[in-house]
């Protein structure tokens, strides 16, 4: 039986990399169905994503082990991944626009992932999650209970075998320890007014300053608040007729769009970390 999988890698750029990868796959009866490559001239690195079909069937653990000598020769960081939909756990607080959008795209089959559970520090969005047939896990958080709450969160992530955690307007700051435990597999979304308009009522602050565009940023979670590697950004132009309420509506549209794209690209193994940045093969 045939099987499709994805190979992603990054390494210092030099001649012979593409030939070595192609020869390795060819020798094992694999056919490349999609190929993307980025040569970073500034860092001197190569980033590669290739989608492969094996007509004979292949075990990915065996393939990954056999690829070891090639990777060692070129100093590669690499991963072989199945094309099965990634399992994602969504975290929310009280605002439901991003969760609602993710559920719609999941049901429509356009998210590239399977939502396995919803976690929240409030009960407000339980009806939305349960109406979609999703388990809803309530983990309340206070300053005193935060360490225990985060330990419970990580236990829930593991129990649902979640590959990705999506902070869909989860209004709690994760600790450094939680960020490190979820490094490279937690995505957050925030409005584009940071760091200019911090704190409460950012859309009112933006209105008072007469901003001309509203946007959102989806990024990986790191201990540096809202400064993780950016995956996607959405920007919508506005004018003086937009009051704070209209700005909020536009902002929520931008958040839902940016977040859903970031989740889909991550789950399709199209995002490769590059230090404080990312390479995204769309």
C-alpha atoms as a PDB file:
ATOM      1  CA  UNK A   1       0.000   0.000   0.000  1.00  0.00           C
ATOM      2  CA  UNK A   2       1.169   3.519  -0.742  1.00  0.00           C
ATOM      3  CA  UNK A   3       1.849   5.977   2.032  1.00  0.00           C
ATOM      4  CA  UNK A   4       2.444   9.717   2.011  1.00  0.00           C
ATOM      5  CA  UNK A   5       4.706  11.532   4.434  1.00  0.00           C
ATOM      6  CA  UNK A   6       6.600  14.801   4.811  1.00  0.00           C
ATOM      7  CA  UNK A   7      10.303  15.437   5.296  1.00  0.00           C
ATOM      8  CA  UNK A   8      11.375  18.793   6.726  1.00  0.00           C
ATOM      9  CA  UNK A   9      14.933  19.837   7.422  1.00  0.00           C
ATOM     10  CA  UNK A  10      17.308  22.730   7.912  1.00  0.00           C
ATOM     11  CA  UNK A  11      21.093  22.826   7.792  1.00  0.00           C
ATOM     12  CA  UNK A  12      24.077  24.942   6.805  1.00  0.00           C
ATOM     13  CA  UNK A  13      23.911  25.538   3.071  1.00  0.00           C
ATOM     14  CA  UNK A  14      26.415  23.801   0.817  1.00  0.00           C
ATOM     15  CA  UNK A  15      26.425  21.927  -2.458  1.00  0.00           C
ATOM     16  CA  UNK A  16      25.106  18.391  -2.632  1.00  0.00           C
ATOM     17  CA  UNK A  17      22.225  18.617  -0.144  1.00  0.00           C
ATOM     18  CA  UNK A  18      19.354  18.294  -2.608  1.00  0.00           C
ATOM     19  CA  UNK A  19      21.132  15.519  -4.490  1.00  0.00           C
ATOM     20  CA  UNK A  20      21.724  13.576  -1.268  1.00  0.00           C
ATOM     21  CA  UNK A  21      18.099  13.887  -0.158  1.00  0.00           C
ATOM     22  CA  UNK A  22      16.712  13.002  -3.582  1.00  0.00           C
ATOM     23  CA  UNK A  23      19.026  10.005  -3.951  1.00  0.00           C
ATOM     24  CA  UNK A  24      18.091   8.721  -0.487  1.00  0.00           C
ATOM     25  CA  UNK A  25      14.385   8.875  -1.286  1.00  0.00           C
ATOM     26  CA  UNK A  26      14.805   7.424  -4.794  1.00  0.00           C
ATOM     27  CA  UNK A  27      16.784   4.460  -3.499  1.00  0.00           C
ATOM     28  CA  UNK A  28      13.852   3.589  -1.236  1.00  0.00           C
ATOM     29  CA  UNK A  29      11.225   3.753  -3.942  1.00  0.00           C
ATOM     30  CA  UNK A  30       9.840   7.113  -2.872  1.00  0.00           C
ATOM     31  CA  UNK A  31       8.288   9.667  -5.216  1.00  0.00           C
ATOM     32  CA  UNK A  32       8.456  13.410  -4.476  1.00  0.00           C
ATOM     33  CA  UNK A  33       5.019  14.974  -5.003  1.00  0.00           C
ATOM     34  CA  UNK A  34       5.747  18.448  -3.610  1.00  0.00           C
ATOM     35  CA  UNK A  35       9.058  20.185  -3.025  1.00  0.00           C
ATOM     36  CA  UNK A  36       9.905  23.591  -1.537  1.00  0.00           C
ATOM     37  CA  UNK A  37      13.270  25.024  -0.626  1.00  0.00           C
ATOM     38  CA  UNK A  38      14.546  28.303   0.801  1.00  0.00           C
ATOM     39  CA  UNK A  39      18.197  29.343   0.730  1.00  0.00           C
ATOM     40  CA  UNK A  40      18.779  31.916   3.472  1.00  0.00           C
ATOM     41  CA  UNK A  41      21.658  33.949   2.091  1.00  0.00           C
ATOM     42  CA  UNK A  42      22.077  35.968   5.292  1.00  0.00           C
ATOM     43  CA  UNK A  43      22.329  33.025   7.693  1.00  0.00           C
ATOM     44  CA  UNK A  44      23.883  30.671   5.164  1.00  0.00           C
ATOM     45  CA  UNK A  45      21.213  28.044   5.840  1.00  0.00           C
ATOM     46  CA  UNK A  46      18.970  25.866   3.715  1.00  0.00           C
ATOM     47  CA  UNK A  47      15.364  25.041   4.652  1.00  0.00           C
ATOM     48  CA  UNK A  48      13.514  22.261   2.875  1.00  0.00           C
ATOM     49  CA  UNK A  49      10.065  20.689   2.905  1.00  0.00           C
ATOM     50  CA  UNK A  50       9.214  17.777   0.647  1.00  0.00           C
ATOM     51  CA  UNK A  51       6.050  15.730   0.430  1.00  0.00           C
ATOM     52  CA  UNK A  52       6.719  12.130  -0.503  1.00  0.00           C
ATOM     53  CA  UNK A  53       4.738   9.075  -1.566  1.00  0.00           C
ATOM     54  CA  UNK A  54       6.105   5.574  -1.235  1.00  0.00           C
ATOM     55  CA  UNK A  55       4.503   3.060  -3.579  1.00  0.00           C
ATOM     56  CA  UNK A  56       5.841   0.186  -1.510  1.00  0.00           C
ATOM     57  CA  UNK A  57       4.890   1.539   1.913  1.00  0.00           C
ATOM     58  CA  UNK A  58       7.465   2.567   4.454  1.00  0.00           C
ATOM     59  CA  UNK A  59       7.982   2.714   8.207  1.00  0.00           C
ATOM     60  CA  UNK A  60       8.833   6.276   9.213  1.00  0.00           C
ATOM     61  CA  UNK A  61      10.883   5.299  12.248  1.00  0.00           C
ATOM     62  CA  UNK A  62      13.032   3.044  10.078  1.00  0.00           C
ATOM     63  CA  UNK A  63      13.309   5.704   7.389  1.00  0.00           C
ATOM     64  CA  UNK A  64      14.320   8.336   9.923  1.00  0.00           C
ATOM     65  CA  UNK A  65      16.985   6.047  11.349  1.00  0.00           C
ATOM     66  CA  UNK A  66      18.369   5.241   7.904  1.00  0.00           C
ATOM     67  CA  UNK A  67      18.487   8.958   7.081  1.00  0.00           C
ATOM     68  CA  UNK A  68      20.759   9.573  10.086  1.00  0.00           C
ATOM     69  CA  UNK A  69      24.086   9.282   8.216  1.00  0.00           C
ATOM     70  CA  UNK A  70      22.918  11.725   5.528  1.00  0.00           C
ATOM     71  CA  UNK A  71      21.784  14.178   8.182  1.00  0.00           C
ATOM     72  CA  UNK A  72      25.053  13.857  10.070  1.00  0.00           C
ATOM     73  CA  UNK A  73      27.086  14.563   6.914  1.00  0.00           C
ATOM     74  CA  UNK A  74      25.325  17.867   6.324  1.00  0.00           C
ATOM     75  CA  UNK A  75      24.535  18.849   9.924  1.00  0.00           C
ATOM     76  CA  UNK A  76      20.779  18.609   9.430  1.00  0.00           C
ATOM     77  CA  UNK A  77      17.930  19.065  11.863  1.00  0.00           C
ATOM     78  CA  UNK A  78      15.213  16.932  10.294  1.00  0.00           C
ATOM     79  CA  UNK A  79      11.888  15.223  10.863  1.00  0.00           C
ATOM     80  CA  UNK A  80       9.799  12.657   8.999  1.00  0.00           C
ATOM     81  CA  UNK A  81       6.096  13.242   9.648  1.00  0.00           C
ATOM     82  CA  UNK A  82       2.946  11.367   8.761  1.00  0.00           C
ATOM     83  CA  UNK A  83       0.226  13.236   6.861  1.00  0.00           C
ATOM     84  CA  UNK A  84      -2.437  12.258   9.384  1.00  0.00           C
ATOM     85  CA  UNK A  85      -4.277  15.293  10.823  1.00  0.00           C
ATOM     86  CA  UNK A  86      -2.494  16.698  13.843  1.00  0.00           C
ATOM     87  CA  UNK A  87      -4.263  16.544  17.202  1.00  0.00           C
ATOM     88  CA  UNK A  88      -4.739  20.011  18.678  1.00  0.00           C
ATOM     89  CA  UNK A  89      -5.938  21.257  22.046  1.00  0.00           C
ATOM     90  CA  UNK A  90      -7.536  24.719  22.091  1.00  0.00           C
ATOM     91  CA  UNK A  91      -7.286  27.040  25.101  1.00  0.00           C
ATOM     92  CA  UNK A  92      -9.784  29.866  25.591  1.00  0.00           C
ATOM     93  CA  UNK A  93     -11.064  32.290  28.224  1.00  0.00           C
ATOM     94  CA  UNK A  94     -14.268  34.245  27.527  1.00  0.00           C
ATOM     95  CA  UNK A  95     -14.020  35.463  23.913  1.00  0.00           C
ATOM     96  CA  UNK A  96     -15.238  32.793  21.501  1.00  0.00           C
ATOM     97  CA  UNK A  97     -14.626  34.160  17.998  1.00  0.00           C
ATOM     98  CA  UNK A  98     -11.362  32.277  17.413  1.00  0.00           C
ATOM     99  CA  UNK A  99     -12.688  29.037  18.904  1.00  0.00           C
ATOM    100  CA  UNK A 100     -15.840  29.296  16.803  1.00  0.00           C
ATOM    101  CA  UNK A 101     -13.778  29.829  13.648  1.00  0.00           C
ATOM    102  CA  UNK A 102     -11.471  26.900  14.425  1.00  0.00           C
ATOM    103  CA  UNK A 103     -14.449  24.610  15.066  1.00  0.00           C
ATOM    104  CA  UNK A 104     -16.052  25.654  11.763  1.00  0.00           C
ATOM    105  CA  UNK A 105     -12.875  24.997   9.778  1.00  0.00           C
ATOM    106  CA  UNK A 106     -12.294  21.692  11.594  1.00  0.00           C
ATOM    107  CA  UNK A 107     -15.808  20.517  10.736  1.00  0.00           C
ATOM    108  CA  UNK A 108     -15.395  21.703   7.151  1.00  0.00           C
ATOM    109  CA  UNK A 109     -12.152  19.741   6.826  1.00  0.00           C
ATOM    110  CA  UNK A 110     -10.068  22.807   6.007  1.00  0.00           C
ATOM    111  CA  UNK A 111      -8.117  23.166   9.245  1.00  0.00           C
ATOM    112  CA  UNK A 112      -5.649  20.371   8.577  1.00  0.00           C
ATOM    113  CA  UNK A 113      -6.063  19.229  12.166  1.00  0.00           C
ATOM    114  CA  UNK A 114      -8.339  17.439  14.582  1.00  0.00           C
ATOM    115  CA  UNK A 115      -9.513  19.368  17.633  1.00  0.00           C
ATOM    116  CA  UNK A 116      -9.451  16.919  20.541  1.00  0.00           C
ATOM    117  CA  UNK A 117     -10.404  19.118  23.518  1.00  0.00           C
ATOM    118  CA  UNK A 118     -11.013  22.648  24.755  1.00  0.00           C
ATOM    119  CA  UNK A 119      -9.418  23.938  27.972  1.00  0.00           C
ATOM    120  CA  UNK A 120     -10.488  27.136  29.692  1.00  0.00           C
ATOM    121  CA  UNK A 121      -9.986  29.070  32.893  1.00  0.00           C
ATOM    122  CA  UNK A 122     -13.675  30.064  32.720  1.00  0.00           C
ATOM    123  CA  UNK A 123     -16.951  28.226  32.061  1.00  0.00           C
ATOM    124  CA  UNK A 124     -18.311  30.709  29.504  1.00  0.00           C
ATOM    125  CA  UNK A 125     -17.459  28.746  26.350  1.00  0.00           C
ATOM    126  CA  UNK A 126     -18.440  25.297  27.608  1.00  0.00           C
ATOM    127  CA  UNK A 127     -21.729  25.362  25.593  1.00  0.00           C
ATOM    128  CA  UNK A 128     -19.864  26.160  22.356  1.00  0.00           C
ATOM    129  CA  UNK A 129     -17.359  23.357  22.862  1.00  0.00           C
ATOM    130  CA  UNK A 130     -19.899  20.751  23.943  1.00  0.00           C
ATOM    131  CA  UNK A 131     -22.269  21.683  21.102  1.00  0.00           C
ATOM    132  CA  UNK A 132     -19.413  20.696  18.783  1.00  0.00           C
ATOM    133  CA  UNK A 133     -18.999  17.391  20.627  1.00  0.00           C
ATOM    134  CA  UNK A 134     -15.693  18.422  22.190  1.00  0.00           C
ATOM    135  CA  UNK A 135     -14.551  17.639  25.742  1.00  0.00           C
ATOM    136  CA  UNK A 136     -14.403  20.820  27.828  1.00  0.00           C
ATOM    137  CA  UNK A 137     -11.849  20.941  30.640  1.00  0.00           C
ATOM    138  CA  UNK A 138     -12.214  23.735  33.191  1.00  0.00           C
ATOM    139  CA  UNK A 139      -8.929  24.658  34.877  1.00  0.00           C
ATOM    140  CA  UNK A 140      -9.460  27.785  36.981  1.00  0.00           C
ATOM    141  CA  UNK A 141      -6.380  29.916  37.586  1.00  0.00           C
ATOM    142  CA  UNK A 142      -5.504  32.294  40.404  1.00  0.00           C
ATOM    143  CA  UNK A 143      -2.080  33.650  41.339  1.00  0.00           C
ATOM    144  CA  UNK A 144      -1.966  31.149  44.187  1.00  0.00           C
ATOM    145  CA  UNK A 145      -3.057  28.123  42.133  1.00  0.00           C
ATOM    146  CA  UNK A 146      -1.186  28.922  38.896  1.00  0.00           C
ATOM    147  CA  UNK A 147       1.646  26.362  39.330  1.00  0.00           C
ATOM    148  CA  UNK A 148      -0.847  23.565  40.049  1.00  0.00           C
ATOM    149  CA  UNK A 149      -3.117  24.734  37.211  1.00  0.00           C
ATOM    150  CA  UNK A 150      -0.275  24.668  34.711  1.00  0.00           C
ATOM    151  CA  UNK A 151       0.785  21.228  35.895  1.00  0.00           C
ATOM    152  CA  UNK A 152      -2.788  20.077  35.291  1.00  0.00           C
ATOM    153  CA  UNK A 153      -2.762  21.712  31.855  1.00  0.00           C
ATOM    154  CA  UNK A 154       0.382  19.838  30.827  1.00  0.00           C
ATOM    155  CA  UNK A 155      -1.156  16.620  32.125  1.00  0.00           C
ATOM    156  CA  UNK A 156      -4.262  17.240  29.997  1.00  0.00           C
ATOM    157  CA  UNK A 157      -2.125  17.975  26.926  1.00  0.00           C
ATOM    158  CA  UNK A 158      -0.358  14.656  27.422  1.00  0.00           C
ATOM    159  CA  UNK A 159      -3.545  12.702  28.155  1.00  0.00           C
ATOM    160  CA  UNK A 160      -5.112  13.847  24.876  1.00  0.00           C
ATOM    161  CA  UNK A 161      -1.846  13.232  22.991  1.00  0.00           C
ATOM    162  CA  UNK A 162      -2.068  16.774  21.622  1.00  0.00           C
ATOM    163  CA  UNK A 163       0.639  17.724  19.159  1.00  0.00           C
ATOM    164  CA  UNK A 164      -0.255  21.422  19.214  1.00  0.00           C
ATOM    165  CA  UNK A 165      -1.735  23.748  21.839  1.00  0.00           C
ATOM    166  CA  UNK A 166      -3.628  26.737  20.424  1.00  0.00           C
ATOM    167  CA  UNK A 167      -4.151  29.763  22.644  1.00  0.00           C
ATOM    168  CA  UNK A 168      -7.307  31.110  21.001  1.00  0.00           C
ATOM    169  CA  UNK A 169      -7.596  34.282  23.096  1.00  0.00           C
ATOM    170  CA  UNK A 170      -6.583  32.565  26.317  1.00  0.00           C
ATOM    171  CA  UNK A 171      -6.150  35.509  28.651  1.00  0.00           C
ATOM    172  CA  UNK A 172      -3.552  34.069  31.013  1.00  0.00           C
ATOM    173  CA  UNK A 173       0.205  34.471  30.742  1.00  0.00           C
ATOM    174  CA  UNK A 174       1.934  31.097  30.773  1.00  0.00           C
ATOM    175  CA  UNK A 175       4.935  30.733  33.060  1.00  0.00           C
ATOM    176  CA  UNK A 176       8.448  30.348  31.690  1.00  0.00           C
ATOM    177  CA  UNK A 177       8.354  26.677  32.681  1.00  0.00           C
ATOM    178  CA  UNK A 178       5.111  26.037  30.760  1.00  0.00           C
ATOM    179  CA  UNK A 179       6.408  27.946  27.719  1.00  0.00           C
ATOM    180  CA  UNK A 180       9.566  25.858  27.673  1.00  0.00           C
ATOM    181  CA  UNK A 181       7.587  22.613  28.046  1.00  0.00           C
ATOM    182  CA  UNK A 182       5.458  23.591  25.033  1.00  0.00           C
ATOM    183  CA  UNK A 183       8.251  25.125  22.940  1.00  0.00           C
ATOM    184  CA  UNK A 184       7.542  24.862  19.228  1.00  0.00           C
ATOM    185  CA  UNK A 185       4.083  23.369  19.766  1.00  0.00           C
ATOM    186  CA  UNK A 186       2.027  26.219  21.210  1.00  0.00           C
ATOM    187  CA  UNK A 187       0.599  29.053  19.098  1.00  0.00           C
ATOM    188  CA  UNK A 188      -0.849  32.323  20.401  1.00  0.00           C
ATOM    189  CA  UNK A 189      -2.823  35.116  18.733  1.00  0.00           C
ATOM    190  CA  UNK A 190      -2.926  38.779  19.686  1.00  0.00           C
ATOM    191  CA  UNK A 191      -4.047  42.056  18.124  1.00  0.00           C
ATOM    192  CA  UNK A 192      -1.538  44.080  16.154  1.00  0.00           C
ATOM    193  CA  UNK A 193      -1.542  47.085  18.476  1.00  0.00           C
ATOM    194  CA  UNK A 194       1.085  45.542  20.725  1.00  0.00           C
ATOM    195  CA  UNK A 195       3.411  46.856  21.999  1.00  0.00           C
ATOM    196  CA  UNK A 196       2.070  50.337  21.212  1.00  0.00           C
ATOM    197  CA  UNK A 197      -1.286  50.075  22.958  1.00  0.00           C
ATOM    198  CA  UNK A 198      -0.837  47.868  26.000  1.00  0.00           C
ATOM    199  CA  UNK A 199      -3.264  46.986  28.760  1.00  0.00           C
ATOM    200  CA  UNK A 200      -7.023  47.409  28.784  1.00  0.00           C
ATOM    201  CA  UNK A 201      -9.120  48.920  25.975  1.00  0.00           C
ATOM    202  CA  UNK A 202      -6.481  48.777  23.216  1.00  0.00           C
ATOM    203  CA  UNK A 203      -9.083  49.469  20.539  1.00  0.00           C
ATOM    204  CA  UNK A 204     -10.164  52.637  22.336  1.00  0.00           C
ATOM    205  CA  UNK A 205      -6.525  53.696  22.512  1.00  0.00           C
ATOM    206  CA  UNK A 206      -6.141  52.974  18.783  1.00  0.00           C
ATOM    207  CA  UNK A 207      -9.286  54.952  17.967  1.00  0.00           C
ATOM    208  CA  UNK A 208      -8.038  57.944  19.919  1.00  0.00           C
ATOM    209  CA  UNK A 209      -4.772  57.844  17.946  1.00  0.00           C
ATOM    210  CA  UNK A 210      -6.554  57.574  14.594  1.00  0.00           C
ATOM    211  CA  UNK A 211      -4.963  54.325  13.439  1.00  0.00           C
ATOM    212  CA  UNK A 212      -5.470  53.406   9.790  1.00  0.00           C
ATOM    213  CA  UNK A 213      -5.037  49.656   9.944  1.00  0.00           C
ATOM    214  CA  UNK A 214      -6.066  46.820  12.226  1.00  0.00           C
ATOM    215  CA  UNK A 215      -4.326  43.468  12.337  1.00  0.00           C
ATOM    216  CA  UNK A 216      -3.345  40.385  14.277  1.00  0.00           C
ATOM    217  CA  UNK A 217      -0.222  38.306  14.823  1.00  0.00           C
ATOM    218  CA  UNK A 218      -0.053  34.531  15.289  1.00  0.00           C
ATOM    219  CA  UNK A 219       3.200  33.341  16.803  1.00  0.00           C
ATOM    220  CA  UNK A 220       4.815  30.552  18.763  1.00  0.00           C
ATOM    221  CA  UNK A 221       4.664  30.916  22.533  1.00  0.00           C
ATOM    222  CA  UNK A 222       7.920  31.731  24.309  1.00  0.00           C
ATOM    223  CA  UNK A 223       8.802  33.102  27.765  1.00  0.00           C
ATOM    224  CA  UNK A 224       9.114  36.550  26.131  1.00  0.00           C
ATOM    225  CA  UNK A 225       5.482  37.654  26.186  1.00  0.00           C
ATOM    226  CA  UNK A 226       4.005  38.147  22.686  1.00  0.00           C
ATOM    227  CA  UNK A 227       7.489  38.101  21.156  1.00  0.00           C
ATOM    228  CA  UNK A 228       7.724  34.513  19.901  1.00  0.00           C
ATOM    229  CA  UNK A 229       8.600  33.580  16.302  1.00  0.00           C
ATOM    230  CA  UNK A 230       5.887  34.972  14.027  1.00  0.00           C
ATOM    231  CA  UNK A 231       4.008  32.545  11.787  1.00  0.00           C
ATOM    232  CA  UNK A 232       1.334  34.743  10.201  1.00  0.00           C
ATOM    233  CA  UNK A 233      -0.044  38.270  10.306  1.00  0.00           C
ATOM    234  CA  UNK A 234      -3.274  39.693   8.922  1.00  0.00           C
ATOM    235  CA  UNK A 235      -3.847  43.401   8.255  1.00  0.00           C
ATOM    236  CA  UNK A 236      -7.112  45.163   7.351  1.00  0.00           C
ATOM    237  CA  UNK A 237      -7.173  48.837   6.331  1.00  0.00           C
ATOM    238  CA  UNK A 238      -9.658  51.138   8.062  1.00  0.00           C
ATOM    239  CA  UNK A 239     -10.460  54.860   8.179  1.00  0.00           C
ATOM    240  CA  UNK A 240     -11.800  57.555  10.489  1.00  0.00           C
ATOM    241  CA  UNK A 241     -15.363  56.189  10.359  1.00  0.00           C
ATOM    242  CA  UNK A 242     -14.482  53.133  12.488  1.00  0.00           C
ATOM    243  CA  UNK A 243     -15.420  53.652  16.120  1.00  0.00           C
ATOM    244  CA  UNK A 244     -13.949  51.406  18.891  1.00  0.00           C
ATOM    245  CA  UNK A 245     -16.741  48.832  18.479  1.00  0.00           C
ATOM    246  CA  UNK A 246     -16.152  48.582  14.717  1.00  0.00           C
ATOM    247  CA  UNK A 247     -12.404  48.332  15.336  1.00  0.00           C
ATOM    248  CA  UNK A 248     -13.009  45.384  17.678  1.00  0.00           C
ATOM    249  CA  UNK A 249     -15.128  43.606  15.060  1.00  0.00           C
ATOM    250  CA  UNK A 250     -12.472  44.043  12.385  1.00  0.00           C
ATOM    251  CA  UNK A 251      -9.772  43.024  14.832  1.00  0.00           C
ATOM    252  CA  UNK A 252     -11.558  39.797  15.704  1.00  0.00           C
ATOM    253  CA  UNK A 253     -11.870  38.936  12.007  1.00  0.00           C
ATOM    254  CA  UNK A 254      -8.128  39.487  11.610  1.00  0.00           C
ATOM    255  CA  UNK A 255      -7.377  37.337  14.661  1.00  0.00           C
ATOM    256  CA  UNK A 256      -9.487  34.424  13.401  1.00  0.00           C
ATOM    257  CA  UNK A 257      -7.898  34.547   9.938  1.00  0.00           C
ATOM    258  CA  UNK A 258      -4.299  34.782  11.132  1.00  0.00           C
ATOM    259  CA  UNK A 259      -4.744  32.073  13.751  1.00  0.00           C
ATOM    260  CA  UNK A 260      -6.440  29.544  11.465  1.00  0.00           C
ATOM    261  CA  UNK A 261      -3.728  29.958   8.823  1.00  0.00           C
ATOM    262  CA  UNK A 262      -0.964  29.555  11.399  1.00  0.00           C
ATOM    263  CA  UNK A 263      -2.581  26.409  12.799  1.00  0.00           C
ATOM    264  CA  UNK A 264      -3.085  24.875   9.357  1.00  0.00           C
ATOM    265  CA  UNK A 265       0.451  25.643   8.199  1.00  0.00           C
ATOM    266  CA  UNK A 266       1.937  24.238  11.396  1.00  0.00           C
ATOM    267  CA  UNK A 267      -0.122  21.058  11.150  1.00  0.00           C
ATOM    268  CA  UNK A 268       0.856  20.625   7.508  1.00  0.00           C
ATOM    269  CA  UNK A 269       4.512  20.883   8.587  1.00  0.00           C
ATOM    270  CA  UNK A 270       4.978  24.063   6.558  1.00  0.00           C
ATOM    271  CA  UNK A 271       6.551  26.086   9.382  1.00  0.00           C
ATOM    272  CA  UNK A 272      10.226  25.681  10.246  1.00  0.00           C
ATOM    273  CA  UNK A 273      11.724  27.537  13.187  1.00  0.00           C
ATOM    274  CA  UNK A 274      14.736  29.694  12.433  1.00  0.00           C
ATOM    275  CA  UNK A 275      15.987  31.228  15.646  1.00  0.00           C
ATOM    276  CA  UNK A 276      13.599  34.031  16.597  1.00  0.00           C
ATOM    277  CA  UNK A 277      11.886  33.797  13.219  1.00  0.00           C
ATOM    278  CA  UNK A 278      10.220  31.218  10.978  1.00  0.00           C
ATOM    279  CA  UNK A 279      10.305  29.947   7.419  1.00  0.00           C
ATOM    280  CA  UNK A 280       6.779  29.263   6.149  1.00  0.00           C
ATOM    281  CA  UNK A 281       6.317  27.161   3.015  1.00  0.00           C
ATOM    282  CA  UNK A 282       2.829  28.148   1.864  1.00  0.00           C
END
